[in-house]
Amino acid sequence: MFDYSEMKKILSNNEQNDLSHRTCPIASSTQGKHRVAIRSQHRIILVLKELECAGMKIFEALKSHFDDHYVSILNNIHKIWTIYSNLTSENIPIVLIHGFDVGIGLWSLNLDQLCSNRPVYVIDLLGLARSSRTIFSLDPIEAEKQFIDMLEE
């Protein structure tokens, strides 16, 4: 299992320590076989900051105004990064949910047009981009249930 406790501590305290020598073990177990990968915590924090900068650059190029915030879900355990625009419109909203390994950049050229006459919500799925990292079950039925619960909440 992935232990994010150290990373969460660092992010919540905004520690500026030299993290290059520290590592965050990632392990998964499948029928007694262990796969372990080591990632630098510094790299994880750097990627999150890079994502934030890239997202800001995308929205600076748009004509429409977008707001963003975290939406707490699943008893405030996780947060989903949400971007939205034109909430005053009475029309049916559009909710954009990206596939895996893509994000808001996928729709960046269409966002101005999409929000011109209706509310638009763009969410980052759990485990991706700026949303909370979570561990989904290895059981496909349970993982599907977790995913649906996340979307419905």
N, C-alpha and C. Protein backbone atom coordinates (compact mmCIF):
# COMPACT_ATOMS: atom_id res chain seq x y z
N MET A 1 0.84 -1.18 0.00
CA MET A 1 0.00 0.00 0.00
C MET A 1 0.88 1.25 0.00
N PHE A 2 0.34 2.29 -0.57
CA PHE A 2 1.07 3.55 -0.63
C PHE A 2 0.83 4.33 0.65
N ASP A 3 1.89 4.72 1.30
CA ASP A 3 1.77 5.47 2.54
C ASP A 3 2.04 6.94 2.26
N TYR A 4 0.99 7.73 2.28
CA TYR A 4 1.11 9.15 2.00
C TYR A 4 1.28 9.99 3.26
N SER A 5 1.36 9.37 4.40
CA SER A 5 1.37 10.14 5.65
C SER A 5 2.53 11.14 5.69
N GLU A 6 3.69 10.72 5.26
CA GLU A 6 4.84 11.63 5.28
C GLU A 6 4.63 12.78 4.29
N MET A 7 4.14 12.45 3.09
CA MET A 7 3.91 13.49 2.10
C MET A 7 2.83 14.46 2.56
N LYS A 8 1.74 13.95 3.13
CA LYS A 8 0.68 14.82 3.64
C LYS A 8 1.21 15.76 4.72
N LYS A 9 2.06 15.22 5.58
CA LYS A 9 2.64 16.04 6.65
C LYS A 9 3.45 17.17 6.05
N ILE A 10 4.24 16.85 5.05
CA ILE A 10 5.08 17.86 4.41
C ILE A 10 4.22 18.91 3.72
N LEU A 11 3.21 18.46 2.97
CA LEU A 11 2.35 19.41 2.26
C LEU A 11 1.56 20.29 3.21
N SER A 12 1.04 19.70 4.29
CA SER A 12 0.23 20.49 5.21
C SER A 12 1.07 21.47 6.02
N ASN A 13 2.30 21.13 6.29
CA ASN A 13 3.17 22.03 7.05
C ASN A 13 3.97 22.96 6.15
N ASN A 14 3.87 22.75 4.83
CA ASN A 14 4.64 23.54 3.88
C ASN A 14 6.11 23.58 4.23
N GLU A 15 6.63 22.42 4.61
CA GLU A 15 8.04 22.34 4.96
C GLU A 15 8.89 22.65 3.73
N GLN A 16 9.95 23.37 3.93
CA GLN A 16 10.86 23.70 2.85
C GLN A 16 12.20 22.99 3.03
N ASN A 17 12.18 21.87 3.71
CA ASN A 17 13.42 21.13 3.93
C ASN A 17 13.95 20.56 2.63
N ASP A 18 15.23 20.19 2.64
CA ASP A 18 15.81 19.50 1.50
C ASP A 18 15.29 18.07 1.53
N LEU A 19 14.43 17.75 0.58
CA LEU A 19 13.81 16.43 0.56
C LEU A 19 14.49 15.49 -0.42
N SER A 20 15.55 15.93 -1.06
CA SER A 20 16.14 15.11 -2.11
C SER A 20 16.68 13.79 -1.61
N HIS A 21 17.02 13.70 -0.33
CA HIS A 21 17.57 12.46 0.20
C HIS A 21 16.49 11.55 0.77
N ARG A 22 15.26 12.06 0.90
CA ARG A 22 14.18 11.27 1.49
C ARG A 22 13.39 10.57 0.39
N THR A 23 12.85 9.42 0.70
CA THR A 23 12.07 8.69 -0.28
C THR A 23 10.74 8.30 0.31
N CYS A 24 9.82 8.03 -0.57
CA CYS A 24 8.48 7.61 -0.17
C CYS A 24 8.22 6.26 -0.79
N PRO A 25 8.17 5.20 0.00
CA PRO A 25 7.99 3.88 -0.59
C PRO A 25 6.57 3.68 -1.11
N ILE A 26 6.49 3.08 -2.27
CA ILE A 26 5.22 2.71 -2.86
C ILE A 26 5.25 1.20 -3.00
N ALA A 27 4.33 0.53 -2.38
CA ALA A 27 4.33 -0.93 -2.45
C ALA A 27 2.93 -1.42 -2.73
N SER A 28 2.83 -2.43 -3.54
CA SER A 28 1.55 -3.09 -3.72
C SER A 28 1.78 -4.58 -3.61
N SER A 29 0.80 -5.27 -3.09
CA SER A 29 0.93 -6.70 -2.88
C SER A 29 -0.16 -7.42 -3.64
N THR A 30 0.23 -8.39 -4.43
CA THR A 30 -0.73 -9.22 -5.15
C THR A 30 -0.34 -10.66 -4.94
N GLN A 31 -1.15 -11.39 -4.19
CA GLN A 31 -0.94 -12.81 -3.90
C GLN A 31 0.50 -13.08 -3.45
N GLY A 32 0.96 -12.31 -2.51
CA GLY A 32 2.27 -12.54 -1.92
C GLY A 32 3.43 -11.95 -2.70
N LYS A 33 3.19 -11.49 -3.90
CA LYS A 33 4.26 -10.87 -4.68
C LYS A 33 4.27 -9.39 -4.36
N HIS A 34 5.42 -8.84 -4.11
CA HIS A 34 5.53 -7.43 -3.75
C HIS A 34 6.26 -6.68 -4.86
N ARG A 35 5.68 -5.57 -5.20
CA ARG A 35 6.36 -4.67 -6.11
C ARG A 35 6.62 -3.39 -5.33
N VAL A 36 7.82 -2.95 -5.31
CA VAL A 36 8.15 -1.75 -4.57
C VAL A 36 8.86 -0.78 -5.50
N ALA A 37 8.40 0.43 -5.49
CA ALA A 37 9.06 1.48 -6.25
C ALA A 37 9.37 2.61 -5.27
N ILE A 38 10.44 3.27 -5.48
CA ILE A 38 10.83 4.38 -4.61
C ILE A 38 10.72 5.67 -5.43
N ARG A 39 10.01 6.63 -4.87
CA ARG A 39 9.89 7.95 -5.48
C ARG A 39 10.41 8.99 -4.52
N SER A 40 11.02 9.96 -5.05
CA SER A 40 11.47 11.08 -4.23
C SER A 40 10.26 11.92 -3.84
N GLN A 41 10.11 12.20 -2.55
CA GLN A 41 9.01 13.07 -2.11
C GLN A 41 9.16 14.45 -2.73
N HIS A 42 10.39 14.85 -2.91
CA HIS A 42 10.64 16.14 -3.52
C HIS A 42 10.02 16.17 -4.92
N ARG A 43 10.16 15.09 -5.65
CA ARG A 43 9.62 15.02 -7.01
C ARG A 43 8.09 15.09 -6.99
N ILE A 44 7.45 14.41 -6.06
CA ILE A 44 5.99 14.43 -5.97
C ILE A 44 5.50 15.85 -5.70
N ILE A 45 6.13 16.54 -4.77
CA ILE A 45 5.75 17.92 -4.45
C ILE A 45 5.99 18.83 -5.65
N LEU A 46 7.11 18.62 -6.34
CA LEU A 46 7.44 19.42 -7.51
C LEU A 46 6.39 19.23 -8.61
N VAL A 47 5.95 18.01 -8.83
CA VAL A 47 4.94 17.74 -9.86
C VAL A 47 3.64 18.45 -9.51
N LEU A 48 3.22 18.43 -8.25
CA LEU A 48 1.99 19.12 -7.85
C LEU A 48 2.10 20.62 -8.11
N LYS A 49 3.25 21.20 -7.84
CA LYS A 49 3.44 22.63 -8.10
C LYS A 49 3.45 22.92 -9.60
N GLU A 50 4.07 22.02 -10.38
CA GLU A 50 4.08 22.18 -11.83
C GLU A 50 2.66 22.10 -12.40
N LEU A 51 1.84 21.20 -11.87
CA LEU A 51 0.45 21.09 -12.31
C LEU A 51 -0.31 22.38 -12.04
N GLU A 52 -0.08 22.96 -10.89
CA GLU A 52 -0.76 24.20 -10.53
C GLU A 52 -0.36 25.32 -11.50
N CYS A 53 0.93 25.44 -11.78
CA CYS A 53 1.42 26.47 -12.71
C CYS A 53 0.86 26.26 -14.12
N ALA A 54 0.87 25.02 -14.59
CA ALA A 54 0.36 24.72 -15.93
C ALA A 54 -1.12 25.06 -16.02
N GLY A 55 -1.89 24.72 -15.00
CA GLY A 55 -3.31 25.03 -14.99
C GLY A 55 -3.56 26.52 -15.02
N MET A 56 -2.79 27.28 -14.25
CA MET A 56 -2.95 28.73 -14.24
C MET A 56 -2.66 29.32 -15.61
N LYS A 57 -1.64 28.82 -16.30
CA LYS A 57 -1.31 29.32 -17.63
C LYS A 57 -2.43 29.05 -18.62
N ILE A 58 -3.04 27.86 -18.52
CA ILE A 58 -4.15 27.53 -19.41
C ILE A 58 -5.29 28.52 -19.21
N PHE A 59 -5.66 28.79 -17.96
CA PHE A 59 -6.81 29.65 -17.70
C PHE A 59 -6.51 31.12 -17.94
N GLU A 60 -5.25 31.53 -17.88
CA GLU A 60 -4.90 32.91 -18.22
C GLU A 60 -5.14 33.18 -19.70
N ALA A 61 -5.04 32.15 -20.53
CA ALA A 61 -5.22 32.32 -21.98
C ALA A 61 -6.69 32.37 -22.39
N LEU A 62 -7.59 32.02 -21.50
CA LEU A 62 -9.02 32.00 -21.84
C LEU A 62 -9.65 33.38 -21.67
N LYS A 63 -10.70 33.63 -22.42
CA LYS A 63 -11.43 34.90 -22.31
C LYS A 63 -12.43 34.86 -21.16
N SER A 64 -12.98 33.69 -20.88
CA SER A 64 -13.97 33.52 -19.82
C SER A 64 -13.28 33.46 -18.46
N HIS A 65 -14.04 33.84 -17.43
CA HIS A 65 -13.52 33.77 -16.07
C HIS A 65 -13.87 32.42 -15.45
N PHE A 66 -12.88 31.76 -14.90
CA PHE A 66 -13.10 30.49 -14.22
C PHE A 66 -12.64 30.62 -12.77
N ASP A 67 -13.38 29.99 -11.88
CA ASP A 67 -12.99 29.89 -10.48
C ASP A 67 -12.64 28.45 -10.20
N ASP A 68 -11.95 28.23 -9.10
CA ASP A 68 -11.56 26.87 -8.76
C ASP A 68 -11.53 26.69 -7.26
N HIS A 69 -11.75 25.47 -6.83
CA HIS A 69 -11.61 25.14 -5.41
C HIS A 69 -11.67 23.62 -5.24
N TYR A 70 -11.33 23.19 -4.05
CA TYR A 70 -11.44 21.77 -3.72
C TYR A 70 -12.84 21.48 -3.18
N VAL A 71 -13.40 20.36 -3.61
CA VAL A 71 -14.68 19.88 -3.09
C VAL A 71 -14.38 18.67 -2.22
N SER A 72 -14.73 18.75 -0.95
CA SER A 72 -14.50 17.63 -0.04
C SER A 72 -15.55 16.55 -0.28
N ILE A 73 -15.08 15.30 -0.33
CA ILE A 73 -15.98 14.17 -0.55
C ILE A 73 -15.64 13.04 0.41
N LEU A 74 -16.51 12.05 0.44
CA LEU A 74 -16.31 10.83 1.23
C LEU A 74 -15.93 11.17 2.67
N ASN A 75 -16.84 11.86 3.34
CA ASN A 75 -16.65 12.26 4.75
C ASN A 75 -15.42 13.13 4.96
N ASN A 76 -15.17 14.02 4.03
CA ASN A 76 -14.03 14.95 4.09
C ASN A 76 -12.68 14.25 4.10
N ILE A 77 -12.63 13.02 3.63
CA ILE A 77 -11.35 12.30 3.57
C ILE A 77 -10.57 12.71 2.33
N HIS A 78 -11.27 12.94 1.23
CA HIS A 78 -10.63 13.26 -0.04
C HIS A 78 -11.14 14.59 -0.57
N LYS A 79 -10.36 15.16 -1.49
CA LYS A 79 -10.74 16.42 -2.12
C LYS A 79 -10.62 16.27 -3.63
N ILE A 80 -11.62 16.80 -4.31
CA ILE A 80 -11.60 16.80 -5.77
C ILE A 80 -11.40 18.24 -6.24
N TRP A 81 -10.39 18.43 -7.07
CA TRP A 81 -10.12 19.75 -7.62
C TRP A 81 -11.18 20.04 -8.68
N THR A 82 -11.87 21.17 -8.53
CA THR A 82 -12.98 21.51 -9.40
C THR A 82 -12.80 22.93 -9.94
N ILE A 83 -13.04 23.08 -11.22
CA ILE A 83 -12.96 24.37 -11.89
C ILE A 83 -14.35 24.63 -12.47
N TYR A 84 -14.84 25.86 -12.37
CA TYR A 84 -16.20 26.13 -12.82
C TYR A 84 -16.33 27.55 -13.35
N SER A 85 -17.37 27.74 -14.17
CA SER A 85 -17.62 29.06 -14.75
C SER A 85 -19.11 29.21 -15.06
N ASN A 86 -19.56 30.45 -15.12
CA ASN A 86 -20.91 30.82 -15.53
C ASN A 86 -22.00 30.15 -14.68
N LEU A 87 -21.84 30.19 -13.39
CA LEU A 87 -22.81 29.54 -12.50
C LEU A 87 -24.14 30.28 -12.43
N THR A 88 -24.20 31.50 -12.93
CA THR A 88 -25.45 32.26 -12.88
C THR A 88 -26.42 31.85 -13.98
N SER A 89 -25.96 31.13 -14.97
CA SER A 89 -26.82 30.69 -16.06
C SER A 89 -27.87 29.70 -15.56
N GLU A 90 -29.08 29.79 -16.11
CA GLU A 90 -30.18 28.88 -15.76
C GLU A 90 -30.16 27.61 -16.61
N ASN A 91 -29.31 27.55 -17.61
CA ASN A 91 -29.26 26.40 -18.51
C ASN A 91 -28.67 25.17 -17.81
N ILE A 92 -28.89 24.02 -18.42
CA ILE A 92 -28.37 22.77 -17.88
C ILE A 92 -26.84 22.82 -17.89
N PRO A 93 -26.20 22.51 -16.78
CA PRO A 93 -24.73 22.58 -16.73
C PRO A 93 -24.07 21.42 -17.49
N ILE A 94 -22.84 21.67 -17.87
CA ILE A 94 -21.99 20.64 -18.46
C ILE A 94 -20.97 20.26 -17.40
N VAL A 95 -20.80 18.98 -17.19
CA VAL A 95 -19.77 18.48 -16.28
C VAL A 95 -18.76 17.72 -17.11
N LEU A 96 -17.52 18.18 -17.12
CA LEU A 96 -16.46 17.54 -17.90
C LEU A 96 -15.63 16.66 -16.98
N ILE A 97 -15.57 15.38 -17.32
CA ILE A 97 -14.80 14.41 -16.54
C ILE A 97 -13.77 13.81 -17.49
N HIS A 98 -12.52 14.03 -17.21
CA HIS A 98 -11.48 13.55 -18.12
C HIS A 98 -11.26 12.04 -17.98
N GLY A 99 -10.67 11.48 -19.01
CA GLY A 99 -10.24 10.08 -18.94
C GLY A 99 -8.93 10.01 -18.19
N PHE A 100 -8.39 8.85 -18.08
CA PHE A 100 -7.14 8.70 -17.35
C PHE A 100 -5.99 9.29 -18.15
N ASP A 101 -5.05 9.87 -17.44
CA ASP A 101 -3.84 10.47 -18.00
C ASP A 101 -4.07 11.73 -18.83
N VAL A 102 -5.24 12.34 -18.71
CA VAL A 102 -5.46 13.65 -19.33
C VAL A 102 -6.09 14.55 -18.29
N GLY A 103 -6.19 15.80 -18.57
CA GLY A 103 -6.77 16.72 -17.60
C GLY A 103 -7.43 17.88 -18.29
N ILE A 104 -7.42 19.03 -17.63
CA ILE A 104 -8.14 20.20 -18.15
C ILE A 104 -7.59 20.67 -19.49
N GLY A 105 -6.33 20.39 -19.76
CA GLY A 105 -5.75 20.78 -21.04
C GLY A 105 -6.49 20.20 -22.22
N LEU A 106 -7.13 19.05 -22.02
CA LEU A 106 -7.88 18.39 -23.08
C LEU A 106 -8.98 19.29 -23.63
N TRP A 107 -9.61 20.09 -22.77
CA TRP A 107 -10.73 20.93 -23.17
C TRP A 107 -10.35 22.40 -23.29
N SER A 108 -9.11 22.74 -23.13
CA SER A 108 -8.73 24.15 -23.02
C SER A 108 -9.18 24.99 -24.22
N LEU A 109 -9.16 24.42 -25.41
CA LEU A 109 -9.56 25.19 -26.59
C LEU A 109 -11.08 25.31 -26.72
N ASN A 110 -11.82 24.54 -25.96
CA ASN A 110 -13.29 24.54 -26.06
C ASN A 110 -13.98 25.21 -24.87
N LEU A 111 -13.26 25.51 -23.81
CA LEU A 111 -13.90 25.98 -22.59
C LEU A 111 -14.65 27.31 -22.76
N ASP A 112 -14.07 28.25 -23.50
CA ASP A 112 -14.76 29.54 -23.70
C ASP A 112 -16.11 29.33 -24.36
N GLN A 113 -16.15 28.52 -25.40
CA GLN A 113 -17.41 28.28 -26.11
C GLN A 113 -18.39 27.50 -25.23
N LEU A 114 -17.90 26.49 -24.52
CA LEU A 114 -18.78 25.67 -23.70
C LEU A 114 -19.48 26.48 -22.61
N CYS A 115 -18.76 27.42 -22.00
CA CYS A 115 -19.36 28.17 -20.89
C CYS A 115 -20.03 29.47 -21.33
N SER A 116 -20.13 29.70 -22.62
CA SER A 116 -20.74 30.95 -23.09
C SER A 116 -22.23 31.04 -22.76
N ASN A 117 -22.93 29.91 -22.66
CA ASN A 117 -24.36 29.99 -22.38
C ASN A 117 -24.85 28.99 -21.33
N ARG A 118 -23.94 28.40 -20.59
CA ARG A 118 -24.36 27.45 -19.55
C ARG A 118 -23.23 27.28 -18.53
N PRO A 119 -23.56 26.81 -17.34
CA PRO A 119 -22.52 26.53 -16.35
C PRO A 119 -21.64 25.35 -16.80
N VAL A 120 -20.37 25.45 -16.49
CA VAL A 120 -19.43 24.37 -16.82
C VAL A 120 -18.64 24.03 -15.56
N TYR A 121 -18.57 22.74 -15.29
CA TYR A 121 -17.77 22.22 -14.18
C TYR A 121 -16.74 21.26 -14.76
N VAL A 122 -15.49 21.44 -14.39
CA VAL A 122 -14.42 20.54 -14.81
C VAL A 122 -13.81 19.96 -13.55
N ILE A 123 -13.78 18.63 -13.44
CA ILE A 123 -13.23 18.02 -12.23
C ILE A 123 -12.03 17.16 -12.57
N ASP A 124 -11.10 17.11 -11.65
CA ASP A 124 -9.98 16.17 -11.72
C ASP A 124 -10.37 14.95 -10.91
N LEU A 125 -10.32 13.80 -11.51
CA LEU A 125 -10.68 12.56 -10.81
C LEU A 125 -9.73 12.29 -9.66
N LEU A 126 -10.22 11.55 -8.67
CA LEU A 126 -9.36 11.15 -7.56
C LEU A 126 -8.13 10.43 -8.08
N GLY A 127 -7.00 10.75 -7.49
CA GLY A 127 -5.75 10.10 -7.86
C GLY A 127 -5.04 10.75 -9.02
N LEU A 128 -5.65 11.75 -9.63
CA LEU A 128 -5.05 12.39 -10.79
C LEU A 128 -4.95 13.90 -10.59
N ALA A 129 -3.98 14.47 -11.27
CA ALA A 129 -3.77 15.92 -11.27
C ALA A 129 -3.75 16.48 -9.85
N ARG A 130 -4.62 17.46 -9.55
CA ARG A 130 -4.55 18.13 -8.24
C ARG A 130 -5.52 17.57 -7.22
N SER A 131 -6.26 16.52 -7.57
CA SER A 131 -7.17 15.89 -6.61
C SER A 131 -6.39 14.98 -5.67
N SER A 132 -7.06 14.59 -4.58
CA SER A 132 -6.42 13.72 -3.58
C SER A 132 -5.97 12.41 -4.20
N ARG A 133 -4.90 11.90 -3.67
CA ARG A 133 -4.43 10.57 -4.07
C ARG A 133 -5.15 9.56 -3.20
N THR A 134 -5.62 8.52 -3.81
CA THR A 134 -6.32 7.48 -3.07
C THR A 134 -5.89 6.13 -3.59
N ILE A 135 -6.19 5.13 -2.83
CA ILE A 135 -5.89 3.76 -3.25
C ILE A 135 -7.21 3.06 -3.48
N PHE A 136 -7.44 2.70 -4.71
CA PHE A 136 -8.65 1.96 -5.04
C PHE A 136 -8.41 0.48 -4.77
N SER A 137 -9.47 -0.22 -4.49
CA SER A 137 -9.41 -1.64 -4.20
C SER A 137 -8.86 -2.40 -5.41
N LEU A 138 -8.20 -3.52 -5.14
CA LEU A 138 -7.74 -4.39 -6.22
C LEU A 138 -8.88 -5.24 -6.77
N ASP A 139 -9.97 -5.33 -6.02
CA ASP A 139 -11.16 -6.04 -6.48
C ASP A 139 -11.91 -5.13 -7.45
N PRO A 140 -12.12 -5.55 -8.70
CA PRO A 140 -12.72 -4.66 -9.69
C PRO A 140 -14.12 -4.17 -9.32
N ILE A 141 -14.92 -5.00 -8.70
CA ILE A 141 -16.27 -4.58 -8.32
C ILE A 141 -16.22 -3.52 -7.22
N GLU A 142 -15.36 -3.73 -6.24
CA GLU A 142 -15.21 -2.75 -5.16
C GLU A 142 -14.60 -1.45 -5.69
N ALA A 143 -13.62 -1.55 -6.60
CA ALA A 143 -13.01 -0.35 -7.18
C ALA A 143 -14.05 0.45 -7.97
N GLU A 144 -14.91 -0.24 -8.70
CA GLU A 144 -15.98 0.44 -9.43
C GLU A 144 -16.92 1.15 -8.47
N LYS A 145 -17.26 0.50 -7.37
CA LYS A 145 -18.13 1.10 -6.36
C LYS A 145 -17.49 2.36 -5.77
N GLN A 146 -16.18 2.28 -5.47
CA GLN A 146 -15.48 3.44 -4.93
C GLN A 146 -15.52 4.60 -5.92
N PHE A 147 -15.31 4.29 -7.18
CA PHE A 147 -15.29 5.31 -8.22
C PHE A 147 -16.67 5.96 -8.36
N ILE A 148 -17.72 5.15 -8.37
CA ILE A 148 -19.09 5.68 -8.49
C ILE A 148 -19.45 6.51 -7.27
N ASP A 149 -19.09 6.04 -6.08
CA ASP A 149 -19.35 6.82 -4.86
C ASP A 149 -18.70 8.19 -4.94
N MET A 150 -17.48 8.23 -5.46
CA MET A 150 -16.75 9.49 -5.60
C MET A 150 -17.50 10.44 -6.53
N LEU A 151 -17.98 9.93 -7.65
CA LEU A 151 -18.69 10.79 -8.61
C LEU A 151 -20.05 11.24 -8.10
N GLU A 152 -20.76 10.36 -7.41
CA GLU A 152 -22.10 10.70 -6.93
C GLU A 152 -22.07 11.68 -5.77
N GLU A 153 -21.01 11.67 -4.99
CA GLU A 153 -20.96 12.57 -3.85
C GLU A 153 -20.59 13.95 -4.31
